[in-house]
N, C-alpha and C. Protein backbone atom coordinates (compact mmCIF):
# COMPACT_ATOMS: atom_id res chain seq x y z
N ASP A 1 -24.80 -21.34 22.97
CA ASP A 1 -25.88 -20.42 22.65
C ASP A 1 -25.27 -19.16 22.06
N LYS A 2 -25.59 -18.88 20.81
CA LYS A 2 -25.03 -17.72 20.11
C LYS A 2 -25.79 -16.44 20.43
N SER A 3 -26.94 -16.52 21.08
CA SER A 3 -27.77 -15.35 21.38
C SER A 3 -28.01 -14.51 20.12
N SER A 4 -28.37 -15.20 19.06
CA SER A 4 -28.69 -14.59 17.77
C SER A 4 -27.49 -13.95 17.09
N ALA A 5 -26.28 -14.41 17.37
CA ALA A 5 -25.08 -13.94 16.67
C ALA A 5 -24.81 -14.88 15.49
N ALA A 6 -23.99 -14.44 14.58
CA ALA A 6 -23.67 -15.23 13.39
C ALA A 6 -22.71 -16.38 13.73
N LEU A 7 -22.78 -17.42 12.95
CA LEU A 7 -21.89 -18.58 13.08
C LEU A 7 -20.48 -18.18 12.67
N THR A 8 -19.48 -18.70 13.39
CA THR A 8 -18.08 -18.39 13.08
C THR A 8 -17.28 -19.67 12.89
N ILE A 9 -16.08 -19.52 12.35
CA ILE A 9 -15.17 -20.66 12.20
C ILE A 9 -14.86 -21.25 13.57
N ASP A 10 -14.70 -20.41 14.58
CA ASP A 10 -14.43 -20.90 15.95
C ASP A 10 -15.54 -21.81 16.45
N ASP A 11 -16.79 -21.48 16.13
CA ASP A 11 -17.92 -22.34 16.52
C ASP A 11 -17.80 -23.71 15.86
N MET A 12 -17.42 -23.71 14.59
CA MET A 12 -17.30 -24.96 13.85
C MET A 12 -16.12 -25.79 14.34
N GLU A 13 -15.12 -25.16 14.90
CA GLU A 13 -13.98 -25.88 15.47
C GLU A 13 -14.27 -26.35 16.89
N GLN A 14 -14.92 -25.49 17.69
CA GLN A 14 -15.13 -25.79 19.10
C GLN A 14 -16.18 -26.87 19.32
N GLY A 15 -17.22 -26.92 18.48
CA GLY A 15 -18.29 -27.91 18.65
C GLY A 15 -17.78 -29.34 18.70
N PRO A 16 -17.03 -29.79 17.67
CA PRO A 16 -16.50 -31.15 17.72
C PRO A 16 -15.51 -31.37 18.87
N LEU A 17 -14.73 -30.34 19.20
CA LEU A 17 -13.77 -30.49 20.30
C LEU A 17 -14.46 -30.64 21.64
N ASP A 18 -15.61 -29.96 21.83
CA ASP A 18 -16.38 -30.13 23.07
C ASP A 18 -16.83 -31.58 23.23
N SER A 19 -17.33 -32.16 22.14
CA SER A 19 -17.75 -33.57 22.18
C SER A 19 -16.56 -34.48 22.44
N TYR A 20 -15.46 -34.23 21.76
CA TYR A 20 -14.26 -35.04 21.90
C TYR A 20 -13.72 -34.99 23.33
N ASP A 21 -13.72 -33.80 23.94
CA ASP A 21 -13.23 -33.65 25.31
C ASP A 21 -14.11 -34.40 26.31
N ASP A 22 -15.38 -34.63 25.96
CA ASP A 22 -16.30 -35.40 26.81
C ASP A 22 -16.36 -36.87 26.40
N SER A 23 -15.32 -37.35 25.69
CA SER A 23 -15.14 -38.75 25.27
C SER A 23 -15.96 -39.15 24.05
N GLY A 24 -16.58 -38.20 23.37
CA GLY A 24 -17.30 -38.51 22.14
C GLY A 24 -16.39 -38.48 20.93
N ARG A 25 -16.84 -39.05 19.85
CA ARG A 25 -16.12 -39.04 18.58
C ARG A 25 -17.11 -38.65 17.48
N PRO A 26 -17.52 -37.37 17.45
CA PRO A 26 -18.51 -36.99 16.44
C PRO A 26 -17.95 -37.21 15.03
N GLY A 27 -18.82 -37.66 14.15
CA GLY A 27 -18.39 -37.95 12.79
C GLY A 27 -19.25 -37.33 11.73
N ILE A 28 -20.28 -36.59 12.14
CA ILE A 28 -21.20 -36.01 11.18
C ILE A 28 -21.77 -34.71 11.75
N ILE A 29 -22.05 -33.76 10.87
CA ILE A 29 -22.64 -32.49 11.28
C ILE A 29 -24.01 -32.39 10.63
N GLY A 30 -25.02 -32.08 11.44
CA GLY A 30 -26.37 -31.87 10.93
C GLY A 30 -26.79 -30.43 11.13
N CYS A 31 -27.47 -29.86 10.15
CA CYS A 31 -27.90 -28.47 10.26
C CYS A 31 -29.08 -28.22 9.32
N ASP A 32 -29.62 -27.01 9.37
CA ASP A 32 -30.67 -26.63 8.44
C ASP A 32 -30.03 -26.12 7.14
N SER A 33 -30.83 -25.91 6.12
CA SER A 33 -30.30 -25.51 4.82
C SER A 33 -29.64 -24.13 4.86
N SER A 34 -30.15 -23.22 5.66
CA SER A 34 -29.57 -21.89 5.75
C SER A 34 -28.20 -21.94 6.44
N SER A 35 -28.07 -22.77 7.48
CA SER A 35 -26.78 -22.91 8.15
C SER A 35 -25.76 -23.57 7.23
N LEU A 36 -26.21 -24.50 6.39
CA LEU A 36 -25.30 -25.13 5.42
C LEU A 36 -24.72 -24.05 4.51
N LYS A 37 -25.56 -23.15 4.04
CA LYS A 37 -25.10 -22.06 3.19
C LYS A 37 -24.12 -21.18 3.94
N ASP A 38 -24.39 -20.89 5.21
CA ASP A 38 -23.48 -20.07 6.03
C ASP A 38 -22.14 -20.76 6.22
N ILE A 39 -22.16 -22.08 6.47
CA ILE A 39 -20.92 -22.83 6.68
C ILE A 39 -20.09 -22.85 5.40
N ARG A 40 -20.75 -23.09 4.27
CA ARG A 40 -20.04 -23.07 2.98
C ARG A 40 -19.38 -21.72 2.76
N LYS A 41 -20.10 -20.65 3.03
CA LYS A 41 -19.56 -19.30 2.84
C LYS A 41 -18.37 -19.06 3.77
N LEU A 42 -18.48 -19.51 5.03
CA LEU A 42 -17.36 -19.36 5.97
C LEU A 42 -16.09 -20.02 5.43
N TYR A 43 -16.24 -21.26 4.95
CA TYR A 43 -15.07 -22.00 4.48
C TYR A 43 -14.56 -21.47 3.15
N PHE A 44 -15.45 -20.98 2.28
CA PHE A 44 -14.99 -20.34 1.04
C PHE A 44 -14.16 -19.11 1.37
N ASP A 45 -14.68 -18.26 2.26
CA ASP A 45 -14.01 -17.00 2.58
C ASP A 45 -12.75 -17.20 3.42
N HIS A 46 -12.82 -18.08 4.41
CA HIS A 46 -11.70 -18.23 5.35
C HIS A 46 -10.55 -19.05 4.78
N PHE A 47 -10.87 -20.19 4.17
CA PHE A 47 -9.82 -21.10 3.69
C PHE A 47 -9.62 -21.06 2.18
N ARG A 48 -10.45 -20.28 1.49
CA ARG A 48 -10.38 -20.18 0.02
C ARG A 48 -10.50 -21.55 -0.64
N MET A 49 -11.43 -22.35 -0.12
CA MET A 49 -11.67 -23.68 -0.68
C MET A 49 -12.69 -23.58 -1.80
N SER A 50 -12.48 -24.33 -2.86
CA SER A 50 -13.45 -24.37 -3.95
C SER A 50 -14.51 -25.43 -3.63
N PRO A 51 -15.70 -25.32 -4.23
CA PRO A 51 -16.75 -26.32 -3.96
C PRO A 51 -16.33 -27.75 -4.26
N SER A 52 -15.49 -27.94 -5.28
CA SER A 52 -15.06 -29.31 -5.62
C SER A 52 -14.16 -29.91 -4.55
N GLU A 53 -13.47 -29.08 -3.77
CA GLU A 53 -12.60 -29.56 -2.70
C GLU A 53 -13.37 -29.91 -1.43
N MET A 54 -14.65 -29.57 -1.39
CA MET A 54 -15.42 -29.73 -0.16
C MET A 54 -16.40 -30.89 -0.22
N LYS A 55 -16.39 -31.68 -1.28
CA LYS A 55 -17.35 -32.78 -1.43
C LYS A 55 -16.78 -34.06 -0.82
N GLY A 56 -17.68 -35.00 -0.50
CA GLY A 56 -17.28 -36.28 0.06
C GLY A 56 -18.49 -37.13 0.33
N THR A 57 -18.30 -38.16 1.14
CA THR A 57 -19.42 -39.03 1.50
C THR A 57 -19.57 -39.07 3.01
N ALA A 58 -20.80 -39.27 3.44
CA ALA A 58 -21.11 -39.35 4.85
C ALA A 58 -21.29 -40.81 5.23
N ALA A 59 -21.82 -41.04 6.41
CA ALA A 59 -22.08 -42.40 6.88
C ALA A 59 -23.01 -43.12 5.90
N LEU A 60 -22.82 -44.39 5.76
CA LEU A 60 -23.62 -45.25 4.90
C LEU A 60 -23.56 -44.87 3.43
N GLY A 61 -22.50 -44.16 3.02
CA GLY A 61 -22.31 -43.83 1.62
C GLY A 61 -23.17 -42.70 1.10
N ILE A 62 -23.80 -41.93 1.98
CA ILE A 62 -24.64 -40.80 1.57
C ILE A 62 -23.73 -39.69 1.06
N PRO A 63 -23.95 -39.19 -0.16
CA PRO A 63 -23.09 -38.11 -0.66
C PRO A 63 -23.34 -36.82 0.11
N ALA A 64 -22.26 -36.12 0.40
CA ALA A 64 -22.35 -34.84 1.12
C ALA A 64 -21.75 -33.76 0.24
N SER A 65 -22.47 -32.65 0.10
CA SER A 65 -21.97 -31.55 -0.73
C SER A 65 -20.90 -30.74 0.00
N LEU A 66 -20.75 -31.01 1.29
CA LEU A 66 -19.77 -30.27 2.08
C LEU A 66 -19.15 -31.20 3.13
N VAL A 67 -17.83 -31.33 3.09
CA VAL A 67 -17.07 -32.06 4.11
C VAL A 67 -16.01 -31.09 4.61
N ILE A 68 -16.05 -30.81 5.91
CA ILE A 68 -15.08 -29.87 6.47
C ILE A 68 -14.06 -30.59 7.33
N GLU A 69 -12.89 -30.02 7.39
CA GLU A 69 -11.81 -30.56 8.21
C GLU A 69 -11.87 -29.88 9.57
N THR A 70 -12.05 -30.68 10.62
CA THR A 70 -12.10 -30.13 11.98
C THR A 70 -10.86 -30.58 12.75
N GLY A 71 -10.76 -30.18 13.99
CA GLY A 71 -9.62 -30.56 14.82
C GLY A 71 -9.54 -32.05 15.09
N ILE A 72 -10.64 -32.77 14.88
CA ILE A 72 -10.63 -34.22 15.13
C ILE A 72 -10.82 -35.03 13.85
N GLY A 73 -10.76 -34.37 12.71
CA GLY A 73 -10.85 -35.07 11.44
C GLY A 73 -11.96 -34.53 10.54
N PRO A 74 -12.05 -35.08 9.33
CA PRO A 74 -13.07 -34.60 8.39
C PRO A 74 -14.48 -34.99 8.83
N MET A 75 -15.41 -34.07 8.64
CA MET A 75 -16.81 -34.33 9.01
C MET A 75 -17.73 -33.85 7.89
N PRO A 76 -18.58 -34.74 7.38
CA PRO A 76 -19.56 -34.31 6.38
C PRO A 76 -20.68 -33.51 7.03
N VAL A 77 -21.19 -32.54 6.29
CA VAL A 77 -22.28 -31.70 6.76
C VAL A 77 -23.53 -32.07 5.96
N LEU A 78 -24.57 -32.51 6.66
CA LEU A 78 -25.81 -32.90 6.01
C LEU A 78 -26.94 -31.99 6.46
N PRO A 79 -27.62 -31.33 5.51
CA PRO A 79 -28.75 -30.48 5.89
C PRO A 79 -30.00 -31.31 6.15
N SER A 80 -30.87 -30.79 6.99
CA SER A 80 -32.15 -31.43 7.27
C SER A 80 -33.27 -30.45 6.96
N GLN A 81 -34.28 -30.93 6.26
CA GLN A 81 -35.42 -30.07 5.96
C GLN A 81 -36.34 -29.92 7.16
N TYR A 82 -36.07 -30.66 8.23
CA TYR A 82 -36.93 -30.62 9.41
C TYR A 82 -36.43 -29.66 10.49
N LEU A 83 -35.25 -29.09 10.31
CA LEU A 83 -34.75 -28.09 11.25
C LEU A 83 -35.13 -26.70 10.76
N THR A 84 -35.41 -25.81 11.68
CA THR A 84 -35.83 -24.46 11.30
C THR A 84 -34.66 -23.66 10.74
N ASN A 85 -34.95 -22.84 9.73
CA ASN A 85 -33.92 -21.94 9.22
C ASN A 85 -34.29 -20.48 9.52
N THR A 86 -35.06 -20.29 10.59
CA THR A 86 -35.46 -18.97 11.05
C THR A 86 -34.27 -18.29 11.74
N THR A 87 -33.99 -17.06 11.36
CA THR A 87 -32.88 -16.32 11.96
C THR A 87 -33.06 -16.23 13.47
N GLY A 88 -32.01 -16.53 14.20
CA GLY A 88 -32.04 -16.50 15.67
C GLY A 88 -32.42 -17.82 16.29
N ALA A 89 -32.84 -18.80 15.45
CA ALA A 89 -33.26 -20.11 15.99
C ALA A 89 -32.57 -21.26 15.27
N LYS A 90 -31.61 -20.96 14.40
CA LYS A 90 -30.92 -22.02 13.66
C LYS A 90 -29.98 -22.79 14.58
N GLN A 91 -29.69 -24.06 14.21
CA GLN A 91 -28.83 -24.91 15.02
C GLN A 91 -27.90 -25.73 14.14
N VAL A 92 -26.72 -26.06 14.68
CA VAL A 92 -25.76 -26.96 14.04
C VAL A 92 -25.43 -28.03 15.06
N PHE A 93 -25.57 -29.32 14.68
CA PHE A 93 -25.33 -30.45 15.58
C PHE A 93 -24.09 -31.23 15.15
N PHE A 94 -23.26 -31.59 16.12
CA PHE A 94 -22.08 -32.42 15.90
C PHE A 94 -22.38 -33.76 16.57
N LEU A 95 -22.59 -34.80 15.76
CA LEU A 95 -23.16 -36.05 16.26
C LEU A 95 -22.20 -37.22 16.20
N ASP A 96 -22.19 -38.00 17.27
CA ASP A 96 -21.46 -39.27 17.34
C ASP A 96 -22.49 -40.37 17.10
N LEU A 97 -22.51 -40.91 15.89
CA LEU A 97 -23.55 -41.86 15.50
C LEU A 97 -23.45 -43.22 16.21
N GLU A 98 -22.33 -43.47 16.86
CA GLU A 98 -22.18 -44.74 17.59
C GLU A 98 -23.14 -44.82 18.78
N TYR A 99 -23.57 -43.68 19.28
CA TYR A 99 -24.41 -43.66 20.49
C TYR A 99 -25.80 -43.07 20.23
N ILE A 100 -26.21 -43.07 18.98
CA ILE A 100 -27.54 -42.63 18.59
C ILE A 100 -28.24 -43.80 17.93
N GLU A 101 -29.44 -44.11 18.36
CA GLU A 101 -30.16 -45.24 17.76
C GLU A 101 -31.65 -44.95 17.70
N MET A 102 -32.30 -45.64 16.80
CA MET A 102 -33.75 -45.56 16.68
C MET A 102 -34.36 -46.77 17.38
N ARG A 103 -35.41 -46.54 18.15
CA ARG A 103 -36.12 -47.62 18.84
C ARG A 103 -37.57 -47.63 18.39
N VAL A 104 -38.12 -48.81 18.26
CA VAL A 104 -39.52 -48.97 17.87
C VAL A 104 -40.37 -49.02 19.14
N LEU A 105 -41.32 -48.10 19.24
CA LEU A 105 -42.22 -48.08 20.38
C LEU A 105 -43.46 -48.93 20.11
N GLN A 106 -43.91 -48.93 18.87
CA GLN A 106 -45.03 -49.78 18.46
C GLN A 106 -44.75 -50.24 17.04
N ASP A 107 -44.83 -51.54 16.81
CA ASP A 107 -44.60 -52.09 15.48
C ASP A 107 -45.59 -51.51 14.48
N MET A 108 -45.23 -51.62 13.21
CA MET A 108 -46.10 -51.12 12.16
C MET A 108 -47.43 -51.88 12.16
N THR A 109 -48.50 -51.12 12.06
CA THR A 109 -49.83 -51.72 12.02
C THR A 109 -50.52 -51.30 10.72
N TYR A 110 -51.42 -52.13 10.28
CA TYR A 110 -52.18 -51.90 9.06
C TYR A 110 -53.64 -51.70 9.43
N LYS A 111 -54.25 -50.68 8.87
CA LYS A 111 -55.66 -50.43 9.13
C LYS A 111 -56.34 -50.10 7.81
N LYS A 112 -57.39 -50.82 7.54
CA LYS A 112 -58.14 -50.58 6.32
C LYS A 112 -59.07 -49.39 6.53
N LEU A 113 -59.11 -48.47 5.58
CA LEU A 113 -59.97 -47.30 5.66
C LEU A 113 -61.18 -47.49 4.74
N ALA A 114 -62.03 -46.52 4.73
CA ALA A 114 -63.26 -46.61 3.93
C ALA A 114 -62.95 -46.77 2.44
N GLU A 115 -63.77 -47.55 1.75
CA GLU A 115 -63.61 -47.74 0.30
C GLU A 115 -64.45 -46.71 -0.42
N ASN A 116 -63.84 -46.09 -1.42
CA ASN A 116 -64.54 -45.13 -2.27
C ASN A 116 -64.50 -45.63 -3.70
N ASP A 117 -65.64 -45.91 -4.27
CA ASP A 117 -65.74 -46.40 -5.64
C ASP A 117 -64.83 -47.62 -5.82
N ASP A 118 -63.85 -47.51 -6.69
CA ASP A 118 -62.96 -48.63 -6.98
C ASP A 118 -61.66 -48.59 -6.18
N SER A 119 -61.53 -47.63 -5.30
CA SER A 119 -60.26 -47.51 -4.58
C SER A 119 -60.33 -48.18 -3.22
N GLU A 120 -59.20 -48.71 -2.82
CA GLU A 120 -59.07 -49.26 -1.46
C GLU A 120 -58.03 -48.41 -0.74
N ARG A 121 -58.41 -47.88 0.38
CA ARG A 121 -57.50 -47.04 1.15
C ARG A 121 -57.10 -47.75 2.43
N PHE A 122 -55.85 -47.49 2.82
CA PHE A 122 -55.36 -48.09 4.05
C PHE A 122 -54.37 -47.15 4.70
N LEU A 123 -54.04 -47.46 5.93
CA LEU A 123 -53.14 -46.65 6.73
C LEU A 123 -52.09 -47.57 7.35
N LEU A 124 -50.83 -47.16 7.26
CA LEU A 124 -49.74 -47.84 7.95
C LEU A 124 -49.27 -46.91 9.06
N LYS A 125 -49.14 -47.44 10.26
CA LYS A 125 -48.78 -46.61 11.41
C LYS A 125 -47.66 -47.30 12.18
N ILE A 126 -46.65 -46.49 12.57
CA ILE A 126 -45.56 -46.99 13.40
C ILE A 126 -45.12 -45.86 14.34
N TYR A 127 -44.74 -46.21 15.54
CA TYR A 127 -44.21 -45.22 16.49
C TYR A 127 -42.76 -45.57 16.77
N GLU A 128 -41.88 -44.58 16.55
CA GLU A 128 -40.46 -44.76 16.80
C GLU A 128 -39.94 -43.55 17.56
N CYS A 129 -38.78 -43.72 18.17
CA CYS A 129 -38.12 -42.58 18.82
C CYS A 129 -36.62 -42.69 18.61
N MET A 130 -35.96 -41.55 18.64
CA MET A 130 -34.51 -41.52 18.55
C MET A 130 -33.95 -41.44 19.97
N LEU A 131 -32.95 -42.23 20.24
CA LEU A 131 -32.39 -42.33 21.59
C LEU A 131 -30.92 -41.91 21.56
N LEU A 132 -30.56 -40.95 22.41
CA LEU A 132 -29.17 -40.56 22.59
C LEU A 132 -28.67 -41.27 23.84
N ARG A 133 -27.86 -42.30 23.64
CA ARG A 133 -27.38 -43.07 24.80
C ARG A 133 -26.31 -42.32 25.59
N ALA A 134 -25.63 -41.38 24.96
CA ALA A 134 -24.60 -40.59 25.64
C ALA A 134 -24.68 -39.15 25.14
N PRO A 135 -25.59 -38.35 25.69
CA PRO A 135 -25.78 -36.98 25.19
C PRO A 135 -24.51 -36.13 25.20
N THR A 136 -23.63 -36.34 26.16
CA THR A 136 -22.42 -35.51 26.22
C THR A 136 -21.44 -35.82 25.09
N PHE A 137 -21.63 -36.94 24.39
CA PHE A 137 -20.76 -37.28 23.27
C PHE A 137 -21.14 -36.50 22.02
N ASN A 138 -22.21 -35.70 22.10
CA ASN A 138 -22.67 -34.87 21.00
C ASN A 138 -22.66 -33.42 21.48
N SER A 139 -22.61 -32.49 20.54
CA SER A 139 -22.69 -31.08 20.93
C SER A 139 -23.44 -30.32 19.85
N PHE A 140 -23.77 -29.07 20.15
CA PHE A 140 -24.47 -28.26 19.16
C PHE A 140 -24.25 -26.79 19.43
N VAL A 141 -24.48 -26.00 18.39
CA VAL A 141 -24.46 -24.54 18.48
C VAL A 141 -25.91 -24.12 18.27
N ASP A 142 -26.43 -23.29 19.16
CA ASP A 142 -27.84 -22.95 19.19
C ASP A 142 -28.06 -21.45 18.98
N ASN A 143 -29.26 -21.09 18.55
CA ASN A 143 -29.69 -19.69 18.39
C ASN A 143 -28.79 -18.89 17.47
N ILE A 144 -28.49 -19.46 16.32
CA ILE A 144 -27.62 -18.79 15.33
C ILE A 144 -28.47 -17.82 14.51
N SER A 145 -27.91 -16.65 14.22
CA SER A 145 -28.66 -15.67 13.42
C SER A 145 -28.61 -16.02 11.94
């Protein structure tokens, strides 16, 4: 918990190490778009890395605009549009994807909706959840300004 303080290089180093010390092997970093910008700036300023030196690929071949070197190896940083970028509430997650899975709670269903003129409308519905089988194998930095 940063208590609304700014993100530091130490935070980016300690997060993966916390997971590693608890037997996790985080391999990816998830954050909001504002935190991604903060992380890029930290690494530009601290290590004098150019943007071309920071590119790579993430899990499943997803291109990452930022790959940082941590104490346990390189980790791609992927922003999420679903995380808040509000100052004081930003978060950075260090995730071990081996112990994260999606489960289907209800299979996809099809429902026909009302017809209007020549159009046919329908609805597809599915319920899923994300499951962390080993929460201690992941870590995060919370309440970043």
